[in-house]
Amino acid sequence: MKTTILVMTLLTSLFSVMAATVQIEKCAKPIGSENILRSSEFSWGMTLEEIKLKEKDVYQRGLRLKERAYMEDGKAFLPFTPYGGKEEKIYLSERFLKSVTQHVENGLKRNYIDALIFPDMGHSHMFVDLKFYNDVVSKIPTKEGHKRYEAMLNHPETRFLYHTAEQLTMKNEDGSLKDERHLQWRFYSRNLVGHNKGHGKIELLHQKDHAYNTARSYDEGFRYWGAGFNISANKDGCFAYSHEGKTFYFDLSLKDLEP
């Protein structure tokens, strides 16, 4: 009897967590057309105010990422379509989703980011544990790219590099930083490295020899993988995050924005 009660309690707790972290009705695999987010929504050299206004616009219009992650039978999957091939699906662990959600929440909380869209925090790269890459990932055939991504995205030692302030104007025409405290903070804190253990840990990298402080190296024990996931907030998004006591939603995809 006690065992039954314990199992029911655990299941109730699990379903409560899932309900709190996803919009079930918005997480179904897309069938037919959706309002897709396109790169033409943004431009290079945007001001911070323009980025914040654009985030609100994109959010309220419910513009979603193409080939976005979805829920199926209580699990999250990410579509992967190789060039000229058929669509495969990548399982996303609860730990991965929790990690990414906390990267967003902590980034906002610490003023590392101002908007969850491409011009600011909208794409990622990966630092893959070198031993894991050599022992596991490199052994997976190239034609099974979805299995490579599934291994890397769900491995607890993978780090995710977010190049924030992607399209934010932070410099004057002569190349000097603008004389504004927050813009300078955004310049120096634009390389976020998030851990994948579900505790939300974030590190900052600084690439002093790059004009825009764009880092692509981490520690010797990790291999840089350039093609990561994209992330974007919208009211119809699948996954939930909290900011200043309110709940918002975002989508996640491996597909880059198209014109």
C-alpha atoms as a PDB file:
ATOM      1  CA  MET A   1       0.000   0.000   0.000  1.00  0.00           C
ATOM      2  CA  LYS A   2       2.789   2.401   0.938  1.00  0.00           C
ATOM      3  CA  THR A   3       4.590   1.534  -2.299  1.00  0.00           C
ATOM      4  CA  THR A   4       1.462   2.326  -4.334  1.00  0.00           C
ATOM      5  CA  ILE A   5       1.027   5.664  -2.587  1.00  0.00           C
ATOM      6  CA  LEU A   6       4.691   6.514  -3.154  1.00  0.00           C
ATOM      7  CA  VAL A   7       4.463   5.675  -6.869  1.00  0.00           C
ATOM      8  CA  MET A   8       1.271   7.728  -7.247  1.00  0.00           C
ATOM      9  CA  THR A   9       2.901  10.641  -5.430  1.00  0.00           C
ATOM     10  CA  LEU A  10       5.950  10.493  -7.704  1.00  0.00           C
ATOM     11  CA  LEU A  11       3.785  10.337 -10.814  1.00  0.00           C
ATOM     12  CA  THR A  12       1.655  13.255  -9.620  1.00  0.00           C
ATOM     13  CA  SER A  13       4.822  15.232  -8.930  1.00  0.00           C
ATOM     14  CA  LEU A  14       6.213  14.413 -12.379  1.00  0.00           C
ATOM     15  CA  PHE A  15       3.024  15.453 -14.159  1.00  0.00           C
ATOM     16  CA  SER A  16       2.922  18.677 -12.116  1.00  0.00           C
ATOM     17  CA  VAL A  17       6.481  19.485 -13.163  1.00  0.00           C
ATOM     18  CA  MET A  18       5.712  18.780 -16.821  1.00  0.00           C
ATOM     19  CA  ALA A  19       2.579  20.931 -16.661  1.00  0.00           C
ATOM     20  CA  ALA A  20       4.584  23.773 -15.161  1.00  0.00           C
ATOM     21  CA  THR A  21       7.378  23.616 -17.742  1.00  0.00           C
ATOM     22  CA  VAL A  22       5.498  23.093 -21.031  1.00  0.00           C
ATOM     23  CA  GLN A  23       2.335  24.267 -22.772  1.00  0.00           C
ATOM     24  CA  ILE A  24       0.872  20.875 -23.580  1.00  0.00           C
ATOM     25  CA  GLU A  25      -1.511  22.168 -26.254  1.00  0.00           C
ATOM     26  CA  LYS A  26       1.289  24.166 -27.934  1.00  0.00           C
ATOM     27  CA  CYS A  27       3.833  21.348 -27.834  1.00  0.00           C
ATOM     28  CA  ALA A  28       2.276  18.961 -30.294  1.00  0.00           C
ATOM     29  CA  LYS A  29       4.247  18.213 -33.434  1.00  0.00           C
ATOM     30  CA  PRO A  30       3.273  20.862 -36.001  1.00  0.00           C
ATOM     31  CA  ILE A  31       0.824  19.707 -38.618  1.00  0.00           C
ATOM     32  CA  GLY A  32       0.348  22.105 -41.497  1.00  0.00           C
ATOM     33  CA  SER A  33       1.454  25.729 -41.374  1.00  0.00           C
ATOM     34  CA  GLU A  34       2.460  27.827 -38.376  1.00  0.00           C
ATOM     35  CA  ASN A  35       3.518  31.446 -38.044  1.00  0.00           C
ATOM     36  CA  ILE A  36       7.252  30.978 -38.703  1.00  0.00           C
ATOM     37  CA  LEU A  37       9.962  33.345 -37.472  1.00  0.00           C
ATOM     38  CA  ARG A  38      12.213  34.549 -40.288  1.00  0.00           C
ATOM     39  CA  SER A  39      15.564  36.343 -40.336  1.00  0.00           C
ATOM     40  CA  SER A  40      13.984  39.289 -42.172  1.00  0.00           C
ATOM     41  CA  GLU A  41      12.337  40.270 -38.869  1.00  0.00           C
ATOM     42  CA  PHE A  42      15.740  41.502 -37.685  1.00  0.00           C
ATOM     43  CA  SER A  43      18.669  43.569 -38.911  1.00  0.00           C
ATOM     44  CA  TRP A  44      22.282  44.152 -37.953  1.00  0.00           C
ATOM     45  CA  GLY A  45      23.144  47.189 -35.887  1.00  0.00           C
ATOM     46  CA  MET A  46      19.939  47.319 -33.827  1.00  0.00           C
ATOM     47  CA  THR A  47      19.744  49.480 -30.734  1.00  0.00           C
ATOM     48  CA  LEU A  48      18.855  47.887 -27.401  1.00  0.00           C
ATOM     49  CA  GLU A  49      15.476  49.585 -27.442  1.00  0.00           C
ATOM     50  CA  GLU A  50      14.769  48.262 -30.944  1.00  0.00           C
ATOM     51  CA  ILE A  51      15.663  44.728 -29.827  1.00  0.00           C
ATOM     52  CA  LYS A  52      13.404  44.926 -26.774  1.00  0.00           C
ATOM     53  CA  LEU A  53      10.494  46.223 -28.859  1.00  0.00           C
ATOM     54  CA  LYS A  54      11.071  43.534 -31.489  1.00  0.00           C
ATOM     55  CA  GLU A  55      11.078  40.817 -28.812  1.00  0.00           C
ATOM     56  CA  LYS A  56       7.642  41.989 -27.611  1.00  0.00           C
ATOM     57  CA  ASP A  57       6.387  42.094 -31.196  1.00  0.00           C
ATOM     58  CA  VAL A  58       7.656  38.596 -32.032  1.00  0.00           C
ATOM     59  CA  TYR A  59       6.344  37.258 -28.723  1.00  0.00           C
ATOM     60  CA  GLN A  60       2.816  38.624 -29.128  1.00  0.00           C
ATOM     61  CA  ARG A  61       2.558  37.533 -32.764  1.00  0.00           C
ATOM     62  CA  GLY A  62       3.503  34.006 -31.735  1.00  0.00           C
ATOM     63  CA  LEU A  63       6.207  33.591 -34.397  1.00  0.00           C
ATOM     64  CA  ARG A  64       7.600  30.095 -33.976  1.00  0.00           C
ATOM     65  CA  LEU A  65      10.852  28.446 -34.981  1.00  0.00           C
ATOM     66  CA  LYS A  66      10.754  26.168 -37.998  1.00  0.00           C
ATOM     67  CA  GLU A  67      11.220  22.452 -37.193  1.00  0.00           C
ATOM     68  CA  ARG A  68      10.767  23.233 -33.497  1.00  0.00           C
ATOM     69  CA  ALA A  69      10.942  20.782 -30.626  1.00  0.00           C
ATOM     70  CA  TYR A  70       7.685  19.085 -29.628  1.00  0.00           C
ATOM     71  CA  MET A  71       6.229  16.696 -27.062  1.00  0.00           C
ATOM     72  CA  GLU A  72       5.150  13.149 -27.904  1.00  0.00           C
ATOM     73  CA  ASP A  73       4.006  10.539 -25.378  1.00  0.00           C
ATOM     74  CA  GLY A  74       5.271  12.702 -22.527  1.00  0.00           C
ATOM     75  CA  LYS A  75       8.769  13.112 -24.010  1.00  0.00           C
ATOM     76  CA  ALA A  76      10.424  15.985 -25.855  1.00  0.00           C
ATOM     77  CA  PHE A  77      11.853  15.519 -29.341  1.00  0.00           C
ATOM     78  CA  LEU A  78      13.731  17.759 -31.734  1.00  0.00           C
ATOM     79  CA  PRO A  79      13.363  17.304 -35.512  1.00  0.00           C
ATOM     80  CA  PHE A  80      16.520  16.811 -37.547  1.00  0.00           C
ATOM     81  CA  THR A  81      16.435  16.793 -41.335  1.00  0.00           C
ATOM     82  CA  PRO A  82      19.796  16.163 -43.041  1.00  0.00           C
ATOM     83  CA  TYR A  83      20.348  17.707 -46.457  1.00  0.00           C
ATOM     84  CA  GLY A  84      18.448  15.608 -48.973  1.00  0.00           C
ATOM     85  CA  GLY A  85      17.372  13.109 -46.313  1.00  0.00           C
ATOM     86  CA  LYS A  86      14.273  12.246 -44.350  1.00  0.00           C
ATOM     87  CA  GLU A  87      13.333  13.816 -41.036  1.00  0.00           C
ATOM     88  CA  GLU A  88      14.616  12.050 -37.932  1.00  0.00           C
ATOM     89  CA  LYS A  89      13.895  12.918 -34.304  1.00  0.00           C
ATOM     90  CA  ILE A  90      16.230  13.566 -31.396  1.00  0.00           C
ATOM     91  CA  TYR A  91      15.193  12.756 -27.851  1.00  0.00           C
ATOM     92  CA  LEU A  92      15.750  15.645 -25.420  1.00  0.00           C
ATOM     93  CA  SER A  93      16.287  14.696 -21.791  1.00  0.00           C
ATOM     94  CA  GLU A  94      14.531  16.526 -18.970  1.00  0.00           C
ATOM     95  CA  ARG A  95      17.977  17.500 -17.688  1.00  0.00           C
ATOM     96  CA  PHE A  96      18.841  19.201 -20.989  1.00  0.00           C
ATOM     97  CA  LEU A  97      15.553  21.121 -21.042  1.00  0.00           C
ATOM     98  CA  LYS A  98      15.967  22.141 -17.417  1.00  0.00           C
ATOM     99  CA  SER A  99      19.529  23.292 -18.100  1.00  0.00           C
ATOM    100  CA  VAL A 100      18.565  25.443 -21.096  1.00  0.00           C
ATOM    101  CA  THR A 101      15.616  26.938 -19.228  1.00  0.00           C
ATOM    102  CA  GLN A 102      17.860  27.885 -16.330  1.00  0.00           C
ATOM    103  CA  HIS A 103      20.458  29.367 -18.695  1.00  0.00           C
ATOM    104  CA  VAL A 104      17.724  31.696 -19.928  1.00  0.00           C
ATOM    105  CA  GLU A 105      16.422  32.517 -16.452  1.00  0.00           C
ATOM    106  CA  ASN A 106      19.855  33.146 -14.972  1.00  0.00           C
ATOM    107  CA  GLY A 107      20.967  35.137 -18.004  1.00  0.00           C
ATOM    108  CA  LEU A 108      18.006  37.467 -17.594  1.00  0.00           C
ATOM    109  CA  LYS A 109      18.371  37.643 -13.822  1.00  0.00           C
ATOM    110  CA  ARG A 110      22.039  38.647 -14.018  1.00  0.00           C
ATOM    111  CA  ASN A 111      21.518  41.091 -16.906  1.00  0.00           C
ATOM    112  CA  TYR A 112      23.648  39.007 -19.260  1.00  0.00           C
ATOM    113  CA  ILE A 113      20.786  39.169 -21.765  1.00  0.00           C
ATOM    114  CA  ASP A 114      17.886  41.528 -22.451  1.00  0.00           C
ATOM    115  CA  ALA A 115      15.827  39.605 -24.996  1.00  0.00           C
ATOM    116  CA  LEU A 116      15.286  35.968 -25.950  1.00  0.00           C
ATOM    117  CA  ILE A 117      15.403  36.379 -29.729  1.00  0.00           C
ATOM    118  CA  PHE A 118      18.132  36.092 -32.373  1.00  0.00           C
ATOM    119  CA  PRO A 119      19.491  39.690 -32.139  1.00  0.00           C
ATOM    120  CA  ASP A 120      20.375  38.984 -28.497  1.00  0.00           C
ATOM    121  CA  MET A 121      20.240  35.443 -27.058  1.00  0.00           C
ATOM    122  CA  GLY A 122      18.982  33.348 -29.933  1.00  0.00           C
ATOM    123  CA  HIS A 123      21.511  30.682 -30.884  1.00  0.00           C
ATOM    124  CA  SER A 124      24.062  28.372 -29.339  1.00  0.00           C
ATOM    125  CA  HIS A 125      27.234  26.439 -30.106  1.00  0.00           C
ATOM    126  CA  MET A 126      28.635  23.496 -28.149  1.00  0.00           C
ATOM    127  CA  PHE A 127      31.782  22.512 -26.309  1.00  0.00           C
ATOM    128  CA  VAL A 128      31.790  18.715 -26.275  1.00  0.00           C
ATOM    129  CA  ASP A 129      33.850  16.713 -23.791  1.00  0.00           C
ATOM    130  CA  LEU A 130      36.823  15.592 -25.881  1.00  0.00           C
ATOM    131  CA  LYS A 131      37.024  12.047 -24.484  1.00  0.00           C
ATOM    132  CA  PHE A 132      33.292  11.569 -24.999  1.00  0.00           C
ATOM    133  CA  TYR A 133      33.594  12.922 -28.534  1.00  0.00           C
ATOM    134  CA  ASN A 134      36.473  10.594 -29.405  1.00  0.00           C
ATOM    135  CA  ASP A 135      35.008   7.520 -27.693  1.00  0.00           C
ATOM    136  CA  VAL A 136      31.348   7.932 -28.664  1.00  0.00           C
ATOM    137  CA  VAL A 137      30.384  10.774 -31.019  1.00  0.00           C
ATOM    138  CA  SER A 138      33.118  10.232 -33.611  1.00  0.00           C
ATOM    139  CA  LYS A 139      32.147   6.547 -33.830  1.00  0.00           C
ATOM    140  CA  ILE A 140      28.603   7.423 -34.946  1.00  0.00           C
ATOM    141  CA  PRO A 141      28.378   7.456 -38.780  1.00  0.00           C
ATOM    142  CA  THR A 142      28.059  10.920 -40.311  1.00  0.00           C
ATOM    143  CA  LYS A 143      24.850   9.858 -42.051  1.00  0.00           C
ATOM    144  CA  GLU A 144      23.311   9.337 -38.602  1.00  0.00           C
ATOM    145  CA  GLY A 145      23.671  12.983 -37.619  1.00  0.00           C
ATOM    146  CA  HIS A 146      20.575  12.871 -35.409  1.00  0.00           C
ATOM    147  CA  LYS A 147      22.269  10.276 -33.196  1.00  0.00           C
ATOM    148  CA  ARG A 148      25.337  12.493 -32.889  1.00  0.00           C
ATOM    149  CA  TYR A 149      23.210  15.419 -31.784  1.00  0.00           C
ATOM    150  CA  GLU A 150      21.226  13.280 -29.382  1.00  0.00           C
ATOM    151  CA  ALA A 151      24.451  12.114 -27.744  1.00  0.00           C
ATOM    152  CA  MET A 152      25.953  15.598 -27.472  1.00  0.00           C
ATOM    153  CA  LEU A 153      22.829  17.492 -26.393  1.00  0.00           C
ATOM    154  CA  ASN A 154      22.061  15.034 -23.613  1.00  0.00           C
ATOM    155  CA  HIS A 155      25.570  14.413 -22.298  1.00  0.00           C
ATOM    156  CA  PRO A 156      25.972  15.998 -18.830  1.00  0.00           C
ATOM    157  CA  GLU A 157      29.470  17.312 -19.598  1.00  0.00           C
ATOM    158  CA  THR A 158      28.464  19.213 -22.739  1.00  0.00           C
ATOM    159  CA  ARG A 159      28.675  23.003 -22.438  1.00  0.00           C
ATOM    160  CA  PHE A 160      26.524  25.374 -24.483  1.00  0.00           C
ATOM    161  CA  LEU A 161      28.051  28.610 -25.756  1.00  0.00           C
ATOM    162  CA  TYR A 162      25.618  31.449 -26.374  1.00  0.00           C
ATOM    163  CA  HIS A 163      26.904  34.445 -28.355  1.00  0.00           C
ATOM    164  CA  THR A 164      24.559  37.103 -27.001  1.00  0.00           C
ATOM    165  CA  ALA A 165      24.089  40.689 -28.208  1.00  0.00           C
ATOM    166  CA  GLU A 166      24.401  39.204 -31.711  1.00  0.00           C
ATOM    167  CA  GLN A 167      22.955  42.187 -33.591  1.00  0.00           C
ATOM    168  CA  LEU A 168      23.226  44.822 -30.863  1.00  0.00           C
ATOM    169  CA  THR A 169      25.117  48.032 -31.647  1.00  0.00           C
ATOM    170  CA  MET A 170      27.749  48.402 -28.931  1.00  0.00           C
ATOM    171  CA  LYS A 171      30.434  50.381 -30.784  1.00  0.00           C
ATOM    172  CA  ASN A 172      30.868  53.759 -32.391  1.00  0.00           C
ATOM    173  CA  GLU A 173      31.877  54.139 -36.040  1.00  0.00           C
ATOM    174  CA  ASP A 174      35.541  54.457 -35.032  1.00  0.00           C
ATOM    175  CA  GLY A 175      35.418  51.063 -33.288  1.00  0.00           C
ATOM    176  CA  SER A 176      35.379  52.382 -29.735  1.00  0.00           C
ATOM    177  CA  LEU A 177      32.801  51.161 -27.244  1.00  0.00           C
ATOM    178  CA  LYS A 178      29.821  53.398 -26.697  1.00  0.00           C
ATOM    179  CA  ASP A 179      29.977  55.410 -23.497  1.00  0.00           C
ATOM    180  CA  GLU A 180      27.029  53.662 -21.857  1.00  0.00           C
ATOM    181  CA  ARG A 181      27.503  51.370 -18.877  1.00  0.00           C
ATOM    182  CA  HIS A 182      24.972  48.672 -19.785  1.00  0.00           C
ATOM    183  CA  LEU A 183      26.108  48.420 -23.407  1.00  0.00           C
ATOM    184  CA  GLN A 184      29.693  47.990 -22.256  1.00  0.00           C
ATOM    185  CA  TRP A 185      28.545  45.316 -19.779  1.00  0.00           C
ATOM    186  CA  ARG A 186      26.787  43.515 -22.612  1.00  0.00           C
ATOM    187  CA  PHE A 187      29.956  43.653 -24.731  1.00  0.00           C
ATOM    188  CA  TYR A 188      32.175  42.144 -22.057  1.00  0.00           C
ATOM    189  CA  SER A 189      29.645  39.543 -20.910  1.00  0.00           C
ATOM    190  CA  ARG A 190      28.422  38.361 -24.313  1.00  0.00           C
ATOM    191  CA  ASN A 191      29.927  34.842 -24.231  1.00  0.00           C
ATOM    192  CA  LEU A 192      27.740  32.723 -21.951  1.00  0.00           C
ATOM    193  CA  VAL A 193      28.733  29.110 -21.330  1.00  0.00           C
ATOM    194  CA  GLY A 194      25.944  27.068 -19.758  1.00  0.00           C
ATOM    195  CA  HIS A 195      26.490  23.688 -18.108  1.00  0.00           C
ATOM    196  CA  ASN A 196      24.227  20.704 -18.809  1.00  0.00           C
ATOM    197  CA  LYS A 197      23.633  19.220 -15.355  1.00  0.00           C
ATOM    198  CA  GLY A 198      20.315  20.871 -14.606  1.00  0.00           C
ATOM    199  CA  HIS A 199      21.641  23.332 -12.030  1.00  0.00           C
ATOM    200  CA  GLY A 200      21.749  26.427 -14.262  1.00  0.00           C
ATOM    201  CA  LYS A 201      25.458  27.169 -13.889  1.00  0.00           C
ATOM    202  CA  ILE A 202      26.730  29.841 -16.287  1.00  0.00           C
ATOM    203  CA  GLU A 203      30.275  30.962 -16.976  1.00  0.00           C
ATOM    204  CA  LEU A 204      31.556  33.957 -18.945  1.00  0.00           C
ATOM    205  CA  LEU A 205      34.336  33.875 -21.527  1.00  0.00           C
ATOM    206  CA  HIS A 206      36.294  36.858 -22.803  1.00  0.00           C
ATOM    207  CA  GLN A 207      38.027  36.798 -26.195  1.00  0.00           C
ATOM    208  CA  LYS A 208      40.288  39.843 -25.880  1.00  0.00           C
ATOM    209  CA  ASP A 209      41.860  39.444 -29.335  1.00  0.00           C
ATOM    210  CA  HIS A 210      38.496  39.556 -31.156  1.00  0.00           C
ATOM    211  CA  ALA A 211      37.025  42.948 -32.113  1.00  0.00           C
ATOM    212  CA  TYR A 212      33.554  41.930 -30.944  1.00  0.00           C
ATOM    213  CA  ASN A 213      34.598  39.623 -28.100  1.00  0.00           C
ATOM    214  CA  THR A 214      33.359  36.514 -29.920  1.00  0.00           C
ATOM    215  CA  ALA A 215      34.757  33.429 -28.168  1.00  0.00           C
ATOM    216  CA  ARG A 216      35.079  29.985 -29.753  1.00  0.00           C
ATOM    217  CA  SER A 217      37.499  28.262 -27.396  1.00  0.00           C
ATOM    218  CA  TYR A 218      37.002  26.895 -23.897  1.00  0.00           C
ATOM    219  CA  ASP A 219      39.214  24.341 -22.114  1.00  0.00           C
ATOM    220  CA  GLU A 220      41.664  21.862 -23.617  1.00  0.00           C
ATOM    221  CA  GLY A 221      39.424  18.943 -22.701  1.00  0.00           C
ATOM    222  CA  PHE A 222      36.579  20.137 -24.948  1.00  0.00           C
ATOM    223  CA  ARG A 223      35.944  20.209 -28.693  1.00  0.00           C
ATOM    224  CA  TYR A 224      34.113  23.156 -30.269  1.00  0.00           C
ATOM    225  CA  TRP A 225      31.012  22.229 -32.295  1.00  0.00           C
ATOM    226  CA  GLY A 226      29.687  25.217 -34.199  1.00  0.00           C
ATOM    227  CA  ALA A 227      26.169  24.141 -35.156  1.00  0.00           C
ATOM    228  CA  GLY A 228      24.020  24.235 -32.027  1.00  0.00           C
ATOM    229  CA  PHE A 229      20.354  24.956 -31.387  1.00  0.00           C
ATOM    230  CA  ASN A 230      18.295  28.111 -31.866  1.00  0.00           C
ATOM    231  CA  ILE A 231      15.969  29.487 -29.219  1.00  0.00           C
ATOM    232  CA  SER A 232      13.273  32.167 -29.385  1.00  0.00           C
ATOM    233  CA  ALA A 233      10.497  33.416 -27.107  1.00  0.00           C
ATOM    234  CA  ASN A 234       6.874  33.610 -28.222  1.00  0.00           C
ATOM    235  CA  LYS A 235       3.480  33.325 -26.529  1.00  0.00           C
ATOM    236  CA  ASP A 236       2.727  30.048 -28.311  1.00  0.00           C
ATOM    237  CA  GLY A 237       6.087  28.501 -27.434  1.00  0.00           C
ATOM    238  CA  CYS A 238       6.370  25.016 -26.010  1.00  0.00           C
ATOM    239  CA  PHE A 239       8.670  25.484 -23.009  1.00  0.00           C
ATOM    240  CA  ALA A 240       8.194  27.799 -20.038  1.00  0.00           C
ATOM    241  CA  TYR A 241      10.632  30.085 -18.252  1.00  0.00           C
ATOM    242  CA  SER A 242      10.214  32.590 -15.438  1.00  0.00           C
ATOM    243  CA  HIS A 243      11.346  36.198 -15.258  1.00  0.00           C
ATOM    244  CA  GLU A 244      10.475  38.757 -12.587  1.00  0.00           C
ATOM    245  CA  GLY A 245       7.655  36.606 -11.249  1.00  0.00           C
ATOM    246  CA  LYS A 246       5.991  36.043 -14.627  1.00  0.00           C
ATOM    247  CA  THR A 247       5.903  32.992 -16.906  1.00  0.00           C
ATOM    248  CA  PHE A 248       6.919  33.202 -20.551  1.00  0.00           C
ATOM    249  CA  TYR A 249       7.458  30.620 -23.293  1.00  0.00           C
ATOM    250  CA  PHE A 250      10.040  29.740 -25.926  1.00  0.00           C
ATOM    251  CA  ASP A 251      10.683  27.347 -28.783  1.00  0.00           C
ATOM    252  CA  LEU A 252      13.864  25.450 -29.578  1.00  0.00           C
ATOM    253  CA  SER A 253      15.120  24.206 -32.950  1.00  0.00           C
ATOM    254  CA  LEU A 254      18.208  23.037 -34.822  1.00  0.00           C
ATOM    255  CA  LYS A 255      17.010  24.858 -37.951  1.00  0.00           C
ATOM    256  CA  ASP A 256      18.582  28.261 -38.619  1.00  0.00           C
ATOM    257  CA  LEU A 257      16.323  31.200 -39.434  1.00  0.00           C
ATOM    258  CA  GLU A 258      15.447  31.497 -43.103  1.00  0.00           C
ATOM    259  CA  PRO A 259      14.727  34.740 -45.067  1.00  0.00           C
END
